[in-house]
Amino acid sequence: SGFSIKSWLMEWFRQAPGKQRELLGMMTTDGTDKNYSESVKGRFTIS
C-alpha cells in the first residue's frame, strides 16, 4: 500500500537462522520474474 507495485522493482528475500539475508528473486515493473538464486531456482516462482 502507498505505492503501485507496477511502478517499482520488487524483490523477495529470506534470512535463515544465523545466516545473512539472501535475495531470492525479482519482479520487474513490466511483469518479468528474474534473477532467482541458485538455491531456489526451479522451485520458487514470483508473480
ModelCIF file with pLDDT and N, C-alpha, C, O atoms, coordinates in Angstrom:
data_MODEL
#
_entry.id   MODEL 
#
_entity.id                         1 
_entity.type                       polymer 
_entity.pdbx_number_of_molecules   1 
#
_entity_poly.entity_id                      1 
_entity_poly.type                           'polypeptide(L)' 
_entity_poly.nstd_linkage                   no 
_entity_poly.nstd_monomer                   no 
_entity_poly.pdbx_seq_one_letter_code       SGFSIKSWLMEWFRQAPGKQRELLGMMTTDGTDKNYSESVKGRFTIS 
_entity_poly.pdbx_seq_one_letter_code_can   SGFSIKSWLMEWFRQAPGKQRELLGMMTTDGTDKNYSESVKGRFTIS 
_entity_poly.pdbx_strand_id                 A 
#
loop_
_entity_poly_seq.entity_id 
_entity_poly_seq.num 
_entity_poly_seq.mon_id 
_entity_poly_seq.hetero 
1 1  SER n 
1 2  GLY n 
1 3  PHE n 
1 4  SER n 
1 5  ILE n 
1 6  LYS n 
1 7  SER n 
1 8  TRP n 
1 9  LEU n 
1 10 MET n 
1 11 GLU n 
1 12 TRP n 
1 13 PHE n 
1 14 ARG n 
1 15 GLN n 
1 16 ALA n 
1 17 PRO n 
1 18 GLY n 
1 19 LYS n 
1 20 GLN n 
1 21 ARG n 
1 22 GLU n 
1 23 LEU n 
1 24 LEU n 
1 25 GLY n 
1 26 MET n 
1 27 MET n 
1 28 THR n 
1 29 THR n 
1 30 ASP n 
1 31 GLY n 
1 32 THR n 
1 33 ASP n 
1 34 LYS n 
1 35 ASN n 
1 36 TYR n 
1 37 SER n 
1 38 GLU n 
1 39 SER n 
1 40 VAL n 
1 41 LYS n 
1 42 GLY n 
1 43 ARG n 
1 44 PHE n 
1 45 THR n 
1 46 ILE n 
1 47 SER n 
#
_struct_asym.id          A 
_struct_asym.entity_id   1 
#
loop_
_ma_qa_metric.id 
_ma_qa_metric.mode 
_ma_qa_metric.name 
_ma_qa_metric.software_group_id 
_ma_qa_metric.type 
1 global pLDDT . pLDDT 
2 local  pLDDT . pLDDT 
#
_ma_qa_metric_global.metric_id      1 
_ma_qa_metric_global.metric_value   97.72 
_ma_qa_metric_global.model_id       1 
_ma_qa_metric_global.ordinal_id     1 
#
loop_
_ma_qa_metric_local.label_asym_id 
_ma_qa_metric_local.label_comp_id 
_ma_qa_metric_local.label_seq_id 
_ma_qa_metric_local.metric_id 
_ma_qa_metric_local.metric_value 
_ma_qa_metric_local.model_id 
_ma_qa_metric_local.ordinal_id 
A SER 1  2 98.00 1 1  
A GLY 2  2 98.00 1 2  
A PHE 3  2 98.00 1 3  
A SER 4  2 98.00 1 4  
A ILE 5  2 98.00 1 5  
A LYS 6  2 98.00 1 6  
A SER 7  2 98.00 1 7  
A TRP 8  2 98.00 1 8  
A LEU 9  2 98.00 1 9  
A MET 10 2 98.00 1 10 
A GLU 11 2 98.00 1 11 
A TRP 12 2 98.00 1 12 
A PHE 13 2 98.00 1 13 
A ARG 14 2 98.00 1 14 
A GLN 15 2 98.00 1 15 
A ALA 16 2 97.00 1 16 
A PRO 17 2 94.00 1 17 
A GLY 18 2 95.00 1 18 
A LYS 19 2 97.00 1 19 
A GLN 20 2 97.00 1 20 
A ARG 21 2 97.00 1 21 
A GLU 22 2 98.00 1 22 
A LEU 23 2 98.00 1 23 
A LEU 24 2 98.00 1 24 
A GLY 25 2 98.00 1 25 
A MET 26 2 98.00 1 26 
A MET 27 2 98.00 1 27 
A THR 28 2 98.00 1 28 
A THR 29 2 98.00 1 29 
A ASP 30 2 97.00 1 30 
A GLY 31 2 98.00 1 31 
A THR 32 2 98.00 1 32 
A ASP 33 2 98.00 1 33 
A LYS 34 2 98.00 1 34 
A ASN 35 2 98.00 1 35 
A TYR 36 2 98.00 1 36 
A SER 37 2 98.00 1 37 
A GLU 38 2 98.00 1 38 
A SER 39 2 97.00 1 39 
A VAL 40 2 98.00 1 40 
A LYS 41 2 98.00 1 41 
A GLY 42 2 98.00 1 42 
A ARG 43 2 98.00 1 43 
A PHE 44 2 98.00 1 44 
A THR 45 2 98.00 1 45 
A ILE 46 2 98.00 1 46 
A SER 47 2 98.00 1 47 
#
loop_
_atom_site.group_PDB 
_atom_site.id 
_atom_site.type_symbol 
_atom_site.label_atom_id 
_atom_site.label_alt_id 
_atom_site.label_comp_id 
_atom_site.label_asym_id 
_atom_site.label_entity_id 
_atom_site.label_seq_id 
_atom_site.pdbx_PDB_ins_code 
_atom_site.Cartn_x 
_atom_site.Cartn_y 
_atom_site.Cartn_z 
_atom_site.occupancy 
_atom_site.B_iso_or_equiv 
_atom_site.pdbx_formal_charge 
_atom_site.auth_seq_id 
_atom_site.auth_comp_id 
_atom_site.auth_asym_id 
_atom_site.auth_atom_id 
_atom_site.pdbx_PDB_model_num 
ATOM 1   N N  . SER A 1 1  ? 0.841  -1.182  0.000   1.00 98.00 ? 1  SER A N  1 
ATOM 2   C CA . SER A 1 1  ? 0.000  0.000   0.000   1.00 98.00 ? 1  SER A CA 1 
ATOM 3   C C  . SER A 1 1  ? 0.880  1.237   0.000   1.00 98.00 ? 1  SER A C  1 
ATOM 4   O O  . SER A 1 1  ? 2.040  1.187   0.409   1.00 98.00 ? 1  SER A O  1 
ATOM 5   N N  . GLY A 1 2  ? 0.324  2.337   -0.458  1.00 98.00 ? 2  GLY A N  1 
ATOM 6   C CA . GLY A 1 2  ? 1.068  3.584   -0.549  1.00 98.00 ? 2  GLY A CA 1 
ATOM 7   C C  . GLY A 1 2  ? 1.856  3.755   -1.832  1.00 98.00 ? 2  GLY A C  1 
ATOM 8   O O  . GLY A 1 2  ? 2.468  4.801   -2.050  1.00 98.00 ? 2  GLY A O  1 
ATOM 9   N N  . PHE A 1 3  ? 1.849  2.746   -2.678  1.00 98.00 ? 3  PHE A N  1 
ATOM 10  C CA . PHE A 1 3  ? 2.521  2.796   -3.978  1.00 98.00 ? 3  PHE A CA 1 
ATOM 11  C C  . PHE A 1 3  ? 1.981  1.663   -4.830  1.00 98.00 ? 3  PHE A C  1 
ATOM 12  O O  . PHE A 1 3  ? 1.366  0.729   -4.316  1.00 98.00 ? 3  PHE A O  1 
ATOM 13  N N  . SER A 1 4  ? 2.213  1.746   -6.131  1.00 98.00 ? 4  SER A N  1 
ATOM 14  C CA . SER A 1 4  ? 1.810  0.695   -7.059  1.00 98.00 ? 4  SER A CA 1 
ATOM 15  C C  . SER A 1 4  ? 2.982  -0.221  -7.335  1.00 98.00 ? 4  SER A C  1 
ATOM 16  O O  . SER A 1 4  ? 4.073  0.250   -7.656  1.00 98.00 ? 4  SER A O  1 
ATOM 17  N N  . ILE A 1 5  ? 2.775  -1.531  -7.213  1.00 98.00 ? 5  ILE A N  1 
ATOM 18  C CA . ILE A 1 5  ? 3.858  -2.470  -7.480  1.00 98.00 ? 5  ILE A CA 1 
ATOM 19  C C  . ILE A 1 5  ? 4.193  -2.515  -8.971  1.00 98.00 ? 5  ILE A C  1 
ATOM 20  O O  . ILE A 1 5  ? 5.231  -3.062  -9.343  1.00 98.00 ? 5  ILE A O  1 
ATOM 21  N N  . LYS A 1 6  ? 3.355  -1.965  -9.818  1.00 98.00 ? 6  LYS A N  1 
ATOM 22  C CA . LYS A 1 6  ? 3.662  -1.865  -11.243 1.00 98.00 ? 6  LYS A CA 1 
ATOM 23  C C  . LYS A 1 6  ? 4.740  -0.827  -11.531 1.00 98.00 ? 6  LYS A C  1 
ATOM 24  O O  . LYS A 1 6  ? 5.307  -0.808  -12.624 1.00 98.00 ? 6  LYS A O  1 
ATOM 25  N N  . SER A 1 7  ? 5.023  0.028   -10.567 1.00 98.00 ? 7  SER A N  1 
ATOM 26  C CA . SER A 1 7  ? 5.956  1.126   -10.769 1.00 98.00 ? 7  SER A CA 1 
ATOM 27  C C  . SER A 1 7  ? 7.315  0.906   -10.117 1.00 98.00 ? 7  SER A C  1 
ATOM 28  O O  . SER A 1 7  ? 8.202  1.751   -10.236 1.00 98.00 ? 7  SER A O  1 
ATOM 29  N N  . TRP A 1 8  ? 7.488  -0.229  -9.427  1.00 98.00 ? 8  TRP A N  1 
ATOM 30  C CA . TRP A 1 8  ? 8.713  -0.469  -8.681  1.00 98.00 ? 8  TRP A CA 1 
ATOM 31  C C  . TRP A 1 8  ? 9.214  -1.882  -8.890  1.00 98.00 ? 8  TRP A C  1 
ATOM 32  O O  . TRP A 1 8  ? 8.432  -2.830  -8.963  1.00 98.00 ? 8  TRP A O  1 
ATOM 33  N N  . LEU A 1 9  ? 10.534 -2.014  -8.986  1.00 98.00 ? 9  LEU A N  1 
ATOM 34  C CA . LEU A 1 9  ? 11.146 -3.331  -8.916  1.00 98.00 ? 9  LEU A CA 1 
ATOM 35  C C  . LEU A 1 9  ? 10.873 -3.920  -7.540  1.00 98.00 ? 9  LEU A C  1 
ATOM 36  O O  . LEU A 1 9  ? 11.151 -3.283  -6.524  1.00 98.00 ? 9  LEU A O  1 
ATOM 37  N N  . MET A 1 10 ? 10.333 -5.127  -7.501  1.00 98.00 ? 10 MET A N  1 
ATOM 38  C CA . MET A 1 10 ? 10.008 -5.798  -6.256  1.00 98.00 ? 10 MET A CA 1 
ATOM 39  C C  . MET A 1 10 ? 10.891 -7.021  -6.085  1.00 98.00 ? 10 MET A C  1 
ATOM 40  O O  . MET A 1 10 ? 11.294 -7.651  -7.063  1.00 98.00 ? 10 MET A O  1 
ATOM 41  N N  . GLU A 1 11 ? 11.187 -7.353  -4.836  1.00 98.00 ? 11 GLU A N  1 
ATOM 42  C CA . GLU A 1 11 ? 12.091 -8.450  -4.535  1.00 98.00 ? 11 GLU A CA 1 
ATOM 43  C C  . GLU A 1 11 ? 11.595 -9.263  -3.351  1.00 98.00 ? 11 GLU A C  1 
ATOM 44  O O  . GLU A 1 11 ? 10.924 -8.745  -2.459  1.00 98.00 ? 11 GLU A O  1 
ATOM 45  N N  . TRP A 1 12 ? 11.933 -10.534 -3.358  1.00 98.00 ? 12 TRP A N  1 
ATOM 46  C CA . TRP A 1 12 ? 11.763 -11.415 -2.209  1.00 98.00 ? 12 TRP A CA 1 
ATOM 47  C C  . TRP A 1 12 ? 13.133 -11.794 -1.656  1.00 98.00 ? 12 TRP A C  1 
ATOM 48  O O  . TRP A 1 12 ? 14.051 -12.112 -2.412  1.00 98.00 ? 12 TRP A O  1 
ATOM 49  N N  . PHE A 1 13 ? 13.259 -11.756 -0.343  1.00 98.00 ? 13 PHE A N  1 
ATOM 50  C CA . PHE A 1 13 ? 14.444 -12.179 0.382   1.00 98.00 ? 13 PHE A CA 1 
ATOM 51  C C  . PHE A 1 13 ? 14.046 -13.194 1.439   1.00 98.00 ? 13 PHE A C  1 
ATOM 52  O O  . PHE A 1 13 ? 12.871 -13.335 1.778   1.00 98.00 ? 13 PHE A O  1 
ATOM 53  N N  . ARG A 1 14 ? 15.046 -13.898 1.953   1.00 98.00 ? 14 ARG A N  1 
ATOM 54  C CA . ARG A 1 14 ? 14.847 -14.699 3.142   1.00 98.00 ? 14 ARG A CA 1 
ATOM 55  C C  . ARG A 1 14 ? 16.099 -14.637 4.003   1.00 98.00 ? 14 ARG A C  1 
ATOM 56  O O  . ARG A 1 14 ? 17.188 -14.321 3.523   1.00 98.00 ? 14 ARG A O  1 
ATOM 57  N N  . GLN A 1 15 ? 15.926 -14.943 5.279   1.00 98.00 ? 15 GLN A N  1 
ATOM 58  C CA . GLN A 1 15 ? 17.035 -14.995 6.206   1.00 98.00 ? 15 GLN A CA 1 
ATOM 59  C C  . GLN A 1 15 ? 16.885 -16.232 7.070   1.00 98.00 ? 15 GLN A C  1 
ATOM 60  O O  . GLN A 1 15 ? 15.981 -16.328 7.899   1.00 98.00 ? 15 GLN A O  1 
ATOM 61  N N  . ALA A 1 16 ? 17.791 -17.176 6.858   1.00 97.00 ? 16 ALA A N  1 
ATOM 62  C CA . ALA A 1 16 ? 17.821 -18.379 7.669   1.00 97.00 ? 16 ALA A CA 1 
ATOM 63  C C  . ALA A 1 16 ? 18.483 -18.071 9.004   1.00 97.00 ? 16 ALA A C  1 
ATOM 64  O O  . ALA A 1 16 ? 19.271 -17.131 9.098   1.00 97.00 ? 16 ALA A O  1 
ATOM 65  N N  . PRO A 1 17 ? 18.174 -18.851 10.037  1.00 94.00 ? 17 PRO A N  1 
ATOM 66  C CA . PRO A 1 17 ? 18.786 -18.607 11.349  1.00 94.00 ? 17 PRO A CA 1 
ATOM 67  C C  . PRO A 1 17 ? 20.309 -18.610 11.275  1.00 94.00 ? 17 PRO A C  1 
ATOM 68  O O  . PRO A 1 17 ? 20.910 -19.551 10.757  1.00 94.00 ? 17 PRO A O  1 
ATOM 69  N N  . GLY A 1 18 ? 20.926 -17.555 11.795  1.00 95.00 ? 18 GLY A N  1 
ATOM 70  C CA . GLY A 1 18 ? 22.374 -17.455 11.822  1.00 95.00 ? 18 GLY A CA 1 
ATOM 71  C C  . GLY A 1 18 ? 23.029 -17.122 10.504  1.00 95.00 ? 18 GLY A C  1 
ATOM 72  O O  . GLY A 1 18 ? 24.256 -17.156 10.406  1.00 95.00 ? 18 GLY A O  1 
ATOM 73  N N  . LYS A 1 19 ? 22.244 -16.797 9.474   1.00 97.00 ? 19 LYS A N  1 
ATOM 74  C CA . LYS A 1 19 ? 22.801 -16.517 8.162   1.00 97.00 ? 19 LYS A CA 1 
ATOM 75  C C  . LYS A 1 19 ? 22.415 -15.124 7.688   1.00 97.00 ? 19 LYS A C  1 
ATOM 76  O O  . LYS A 1 19 ? 21.517 -14.489 8.241   1.00 97.00 ? 19 LYS A O  1 
ATOM 77  N N  . GLN A 1 20 ? 23.111 -14.660 6.651   1.00 97.00 ? 20 GLN A N  1 
ATOM 78  C CA . GLN A 1 20 ? 22.811 -13.371 6.058   1.00 97.00 ? 20 GLN A CA 1 
ATOM 79  C C  . GLN A 1 20 ? 21.532 -13.441 5.239   1.00 97.00 ? 20 GLN A C  1 
ATOM 80  O O  . GLN A 1 20 ? 21.131 -14.508 4.773   1.00 97.00 ? 20 GLN A O  1 
ATOM 81  N N  . ARG A 1 21 ? 20.903 -12.292 5.072   1.00 97.00 ? 21 ARG A N  1 
ATOM 82  C CA . ARG A 1 21 ? 19.722 -12.210 4.236   1.00 97.00 ? 21 ARG A CA 1 
ATOM 83  C C  . ARG A 1 21 ? 20.087 -12.493 2.784   1.00 97.00 ? 21 ARG A C  1 
ATOM 84  O O  . ARG A 1 21 ? 21.096 -11.999 2.281   1.00 97.00 ? 21 ARG A O  1 
ATOM 85  N N  . GLU A 1 22 ? 19.260 -13.289 2.118   1.00 98.00 ? 22 GLU A N  1 
ATOM 86  C CA . GLU A 1 22 ? 19.532 -13.796 0.785   1.00 98.00 ? 22 GLU A CA 1 
ATOM 87  C C  . GLU A 1 22 ? 18.469 -13.315 -0.187  1.00 98.00 ? 22 GLU A C  1 
ATOM 88  O O  . GLU A 1 22 ? 17.274 -13.457 0.071   1.00 98.00 ? 22 GLU A O  1 
ATOM 89  N N  . LEU A 1 23 ? 18.905 -12.744 -1.311  1.00 98.00 ? 23 LEU A N  1 
ATOM 90  C CA . LEU A 1 23 ? 17.981 -12.369 -2.374  1.00 98.00 ? 23 LEU A CA 1 
ATOM 91  C C  . LEU A 1 23 ? 17.498 -13.620 -3.092  1.00 98.00 ? 23 LEU A C  1 
ATOM 92  O O  . LEU A 1 23 ? 18.305 -14.428 -3.552  1.00 98.00 ? 23 LEU A O  1 
ATOM 93  N N  . LEU A 1 24 ? 16.186 -13.782 -3.189  1.00 98.00 ? 24 LEU A N  1 
ATOM 94  C CA . LEU A 1 24 ? 15.604 -14.949 -3.831  1.00 98.00 ? 24 LEU A CA 1 
ATOM 95  C C  . LEU A 1 24 ? 15.241 -14.706 -5.290  1.00 98.00 ? 24 LEU A C  1 
ATOM 96  O O  . LEU A 1 24 ? 15.379 -15.605 -6.120  1.00 98.00 ? 24 LEU A O  1 
ATOM 97  N N  . GLY A 1 25 ? 14.787 -13.519 -5.605  1.00 98.00 ? 25 GLY A N  1 
ATOM 98  C CA . GLY A 1 25 ? 14.391 -13.203 -6.964  1.00 98.00 ? 25 GLY A CA 1 
ATOM 99  C C  . GLY A 1 25 ? 13.712 -11.861 -7.042  1.00 98.00 ? 25 GLY A C  1 
ATOM 100 O O  . GLY A 1 25 ? 13.492 -11.199 -6.027  1.00 98.00 ? 25 GLY A O  1 
ATOM 101 N N  . MET A 1 26 ? 13.375 -11.457 -8.275  1.00 98.00 ? 26 MET A N  1 
ATOM 102 C CA . MET A 1 26 ? 12.837 -10.131 -8.537  1.00 98.00 ? 26 MET A CA 1 
ATOM 103 C C  . MET A 1 26 ? 11.614 -10.197 -9.432  1.00 98.00 ? 26 MET A C  1 
ATOM 104 O O  . MET A 1 26 ? 11.411 -11.160 -10.172 1.00 98.00 ? 26 MET A O  1 
ATOM 105 N N  . MET A 1 27 ? 10.805 -9.154  -9.347  1.00 98.00 ? 27 MET A N  1 
ATOM 106 C CA . MET A 1 27 ? 9.709  -8.914  -10.279 1.00 98.00 ? 27 MET A CA 1 
ATOM 107 C C  . MET A 1 27 ? 9.887  -7.511  -10.825 1.00 98.00 ? 27 MET A C  1 
ATOM 108 O O  . MET A 1 27 ? 9.855  -6.542  -10.065 1.00 98.00 ? 27 MET A O  1 
ATOM 109 N N  . THR A 1 28 ? 10.074 -7.388  -12.134 1.00 98.00 ? 28 THR A N  1 
ATOM 110 C CA . THR A 1 28 ? 10.293 -6.089  -12.747 1.00 98.00 ? 28 THR A CA 1 
ATOM 111 C C  . THR A 1 28 ? 8.983  -5.353  -12.927 1.00 98.00 ? 28 THR A C  1 
ATOM 112 O O  . THR A 1 28 ? 7.905  -5.922  -12.754 1.00 98.00 ? 28 THR A O  1 
ATOM 113 N N  . THR A 1 29 ? 9.085  -4.083  -13.275 1.00 98.00 ? 29 THR A N  1 
ATOM 114 C CA . THR A 1 29 ? 7.888  -3.265  -13.448 1.00 98.00 ? 29 THR A CA 1 
ATOM 115 C C  . THR A 1 29 ? 7.025  -3.739  -14.615 1.00 98.00 ? 29 THR A C  1 
ATOM 116 O O  . THR A 1 29 ? 5.816  -3.507  -14.620 1.00 98.00 ? 29 THR A O  1 
ATOM 117 N N  . ASP A 1 30 ? 7.629  -4.400  -15.602 1.00 97.00 ? 30 ASP A N  1 
ATOM 118 C CA . ASP A 1 30 ? 6.851  -4.894  -16.739 1.00 97.00 ? 30 ASP A CA 1 
ATOM 119 C C  . ASP A 1 30 ? 6.349  -6.320  -16.533 1.00 97.00 ? 30 ASP A C  1 
ATOM 120 O O  . ASP A 1 30 ? 5.805  -6.921  -17.460 1.00 97.00 ? 30 ASP A O  1 
ATOM 121 N N  . GLY A 1 31 ? 6.523  -6.872  -15.327 1.00 98.00 ? 31 GLY A N  1 
ATOM 122 C CA . GLY A 1 31 ? 5.941  -8.157  -15.003 1.00 98.00 ? 31 GLY A CA 1 
ATOM 123 C C  . GLY A 1 31 ? 6.821  -9.363  -15.257 1.00 98.00 ? 31 GLY A C  1 
ATOM 124 O O  . GLY A 1 31 ? 6.321  -10.487 -15.308 1.00 98.00 ? 31 GLY A O  1 
ATOM 125 N N  . THR A 1 32 ? 8.118  -9.160  -15.416 1.00 98.00 ? 32 THR A N  1 
ATOM 126 C CA . THR A 1 32 ? 9.051  -10.247 -15.638 1.00 98.00 ? 32 THR A CA 1 
ATOM 127 C C  . THR A 1 32 ? 9.675  -10.693 -14.317 1.00 98.00 ? 32 THR A C  1 
ATOM 128 O O  . THR A 1 32 ? 10.216 -9.869  -13.580 1.00 98.00 ? 32 THR A O  1 
ATOM 129 N N  . ASP A 1 33 ? 9.606  -11.991 -14.012 1.00 98.00 ? 33 ASP A N  1 
ATOM 130 C CA . ASP A 1 33 ? 10.308 -12.521 -12.853 1.00 98.00 ? 33 ASP A CA 1 
ATOM 131 C C  . ASP A 1 33 ? 11.689 -12.996 -13.283 1.00 98.00 ? 33 ASP A C  1 
ATOM 132 O O  . ASP A 1 33 ? 11.837 -13.613 -14.337 1.00 98.00 ? 33 ASP A O  1 
ATOM 133 N N  . LYS A 1 34 ? 12.692 -12.711 -12.474 1.00 98.00 ? 34 LYS A N  1 
ATOM 134 C CA . LYS A 1 34 ? 14.067 -12.945 -12.897 1.00 98.00 ? 34 LYS A CA 1 
ATOM 135 C C  . LYS A 1 34 ? 15.017 -12.997 -11.708 1.00 98.00 ? 34 LYS A C  1 
ATOM 136 O O  . LYS A 1 34 ? 14.637 -12.734 -10.568 1.00 98.00 ? 34 LYS A O  1 
ATOM 137 N N  . ASN A 1 35 ? 16.258 -13.344 -12.008 1.00 98.00 ? 35 ASN A N  1 
ATOM 138 C CA . ASN A 1 35 ? 17.373 -13.312 -11.058 1.00 98.00 ? 35 ASN A CA 1 
ATOM 139 C C  . ASN A 1 35 ? 17.141 -14.191 -9.836  1.00 98.00 ? 35 ASN A C  1 
ATOM 140 O O  . ASN A 1 35 ? 17.491 -13.812 -8.719  1.00 98.00 ? 35 ASN A O  1 
ATOM 141 N N  . TYR A 1 36 ? 16.554 -15.358 -10.048 1.00 98.00 ? 36 TYR A N  1 
ATOM 142 C CA . TYR A 1 36 ? 16.377 -16.302 -8.952  1.00 98.00 ? 36 TYR A CA 1 
ATOM 143 C C  . TYR A 1 36 ? 17.726 -16.809 -8.459  1.00 98.00 ? 36 TYR A C  1 
ATOM 144 O O  . TYR A 1 36 ? 18.644 -17.041 -9.246  1.00 98.00 ? 36 TYR A O  1 
ATOM 145 N N  . SER A 1 37 ? 17.829 -16.975 -7.154  1.00 98.00 ? 37 SER A N  1 
ATOM 146 C CA . SER A 1 37 ? 19.039 -17.551 -6.592  1.00 98.00 ? 37 SER A CA 1 
ATOM 147 C C  . SER A 1 37 ? 19.138 -19.023 -6.961  1.00 98.00 ? 37 SER A C  1 
ATOM 148 O O  . SER A 1 37 ? 18.125 -19.683 -7.194  1.00 98.00 ? 37 SER A O  1 
ATOM 149 N N  . GLU A 1 38 ? 20.357 -19.528 -7.014  1.00 98.00 ? 38 GLU A N  1 
ATOM 150 C CA . GLU A 1 38 ? 20.568 -20.924 -7.374  1.00 98.00 ? 38 GLU A CA 1 
ATOM 151 C C  . GLU A 1 38 ? 19.895 -21.872 -6.385  1.00 98.00 ? 38 GLU A C  1 
ATOM 152 O O  . GLU A 1 38 ? 19.479 -22.969 -6.756  1.00 98.00 ? 38 GLU A O  1 
ATOM 153 N N  . SER A 1 39 ? 19.791 -21.453 -5.143  1.00 97.00 ? 39 SER A N  1 
ATOM 154 C CA . SER A 1 39 ? 19.228 -22.324 -4.128  1.00 97.00 ? 39 SER A CA 1 
ATOM 155 C C  . SER A 1 39 ? 17.729 -22.559 -4.294  1.00 97.00 ? 39 SER A C  1 
ATOM 156 O O  . SER A 1 39 ? 17.200 -23.537 -3.765  1.00 97.00 ? 39 SER A O  1 
ATOM 157 N N  . VAL A 1 40 ? 17.036 -21.680 -5.020  1.00 98.00 ? 40 VAL A N  1 
ATOM 158 C CA . VAL A 1 40 ? 15.586 -21.817 -5.171  1.00 98.00 ? 40 VAL A CA 1 
ATOM 159 C C  . VAL A 1 40 ? 15.133 -21.917 -6.620  1.00 98.00 ? 40 VAL A C  1 
ATOM 160 O O  . VAL A 1 40 ? 13.951 -22.146 -6.875  1.00 98.00 ? 40 VAL A O  1 
ATOM 161 N N  . LYS A 1 41 ? 16.030 -21.753 -7.560  1.00 98.00 ? 41 LYS A N  1 
ATOM 162 C CA . LYS A 1 41 ? 15.675 -21.768 -8.977  1.00 98.00 ? 41 LYS A CA 1 
ATOM 163 C C  . LYS A 1 41 ? 14.989 -23.083 -9.349  1.00 98.00 ? 41 LYS A C  1 
ATOM 164 O O  . LYS A 1 41 ? 15.477 -24.167 -9.028  1.00 98.00 ? 41 LYS A O  1 
ATOM 165 N N  . GLY A 1 42 ? 13.863 -22.966 -10.023 1.00 98.00 ? 42 GLY A N  1 
ATOM 166 C CA . GLY A 1 42 ? 13.095 -24.130 -10.414 1.00 98.00 ? 42 GLY A CA 1 
ATOM 167 C C  . GLY A 1 42 ? 12.077 -24.572 -9.392  1.00 98.00 ? 42 GLY A C  1 
ATOM 168 O O  . GLY A 1 42 ? 11.188 -25.362 -9.711  1.00 98.00 ? 42 GLY A O  1 
ATOM 169 N N  . ARG A 1 43 ? 12.183 -24.085 -8.167  1.00 98.00 ? 43 ARG A N  1 
ATOM 170 C CA . ARG A 1 43 ? 11.245 -24.445 -7.107  1.00 98.00 ? 43 ARG A CA 1 
ATOM 171 C C  . ARG A 1 43 ? 10.365 -23.276 -6.673  1.00 98.00 ? 43 ARG A C  1 
ATOM 172 O O  . ARG A 1 43 ? 9.209  -23.471 -6.298  1.00 98.00 ? 43 ARG A O  1 
ATOM 173 N N  . PHE A 1 44 ? 10.908 -22.073 -6.725  1.00 98.00 ? 44 PHE A N  1 
ATOM 174 C CA . PHE A 1 44 ? 10.187 -20.870 -6.304  1.00 98.00 ? 44 PHE A CA 1 
ATOM 175 C C  . PHE A 1 44 ? 9.831  -20.029 -7.525  1.00 98.00 ? 44 PHE A C  1 
ATOM 176 O O  . PHE A 1 44 ? 10.603 -19.948 -8.480  1.00 98.00 ? 44 PHE A O  1 
ATOM 177 N N  . THR A 1 45 ? 8.657  -19.405 -7.486  1.00 98.00 ? 45 THR A N  1 
ATOM 178 C CA . THR A 1 45 ? 8.201  -18.553 -8.576  1.00 98.00 ? 45 THR A CA 1 
ATOM 179 C C  . THR A 1 45 ? 7.570  -17.288 -8.018  1.00 98.00 ? 45 THR A C  1 
ATOM 180 O O  . THR A 1 45 ? 6.711  -17.346 -7.139  1.00 98.00 ? 45 THR A O  1 
ATOM 181 N N  . ILE A 1 46 ? 7.999  -16.152 -8.531  1.00 98.00 ? 46 ILE A N  1 
ATOM 182 C CA . ILE A 1 46 ? 7.436  -14.864 -8.143  1.00 98.00 ? 46 ILE A CA 1 
ATOM 183 C C  . ILE A 1 46 ? 6.380  -14.449 -9.156  1.00 98.00 ? 46 ILE A C  1 
ATOM 184 O O  . ILE A 1 46 ? 6.586  -14.572 -10.364 1.00 98.00 ? 46 ILE A O  1 
ATOM 185 N N  . SER A 1 47 ? 5.257  -13.963 -8.665  1.00 98.00 ? 47 SER A N  1 
ATOM 186 C CA . SER A 1 47 ? 4.198  -13.457 -9.518  1.00 98.00 ? 47 SER A CA 1 
ATOM 187 C C  . SER A 1 47 ? 3.558  -12.257 -8.843  1.00 98.00 ? 47 SER A C  1 
ATOM 188 O O  . SER A 1 47 ? 2.629  -11.663 -9.391  1.00 98.00 ? 47 SER A O  1 
#
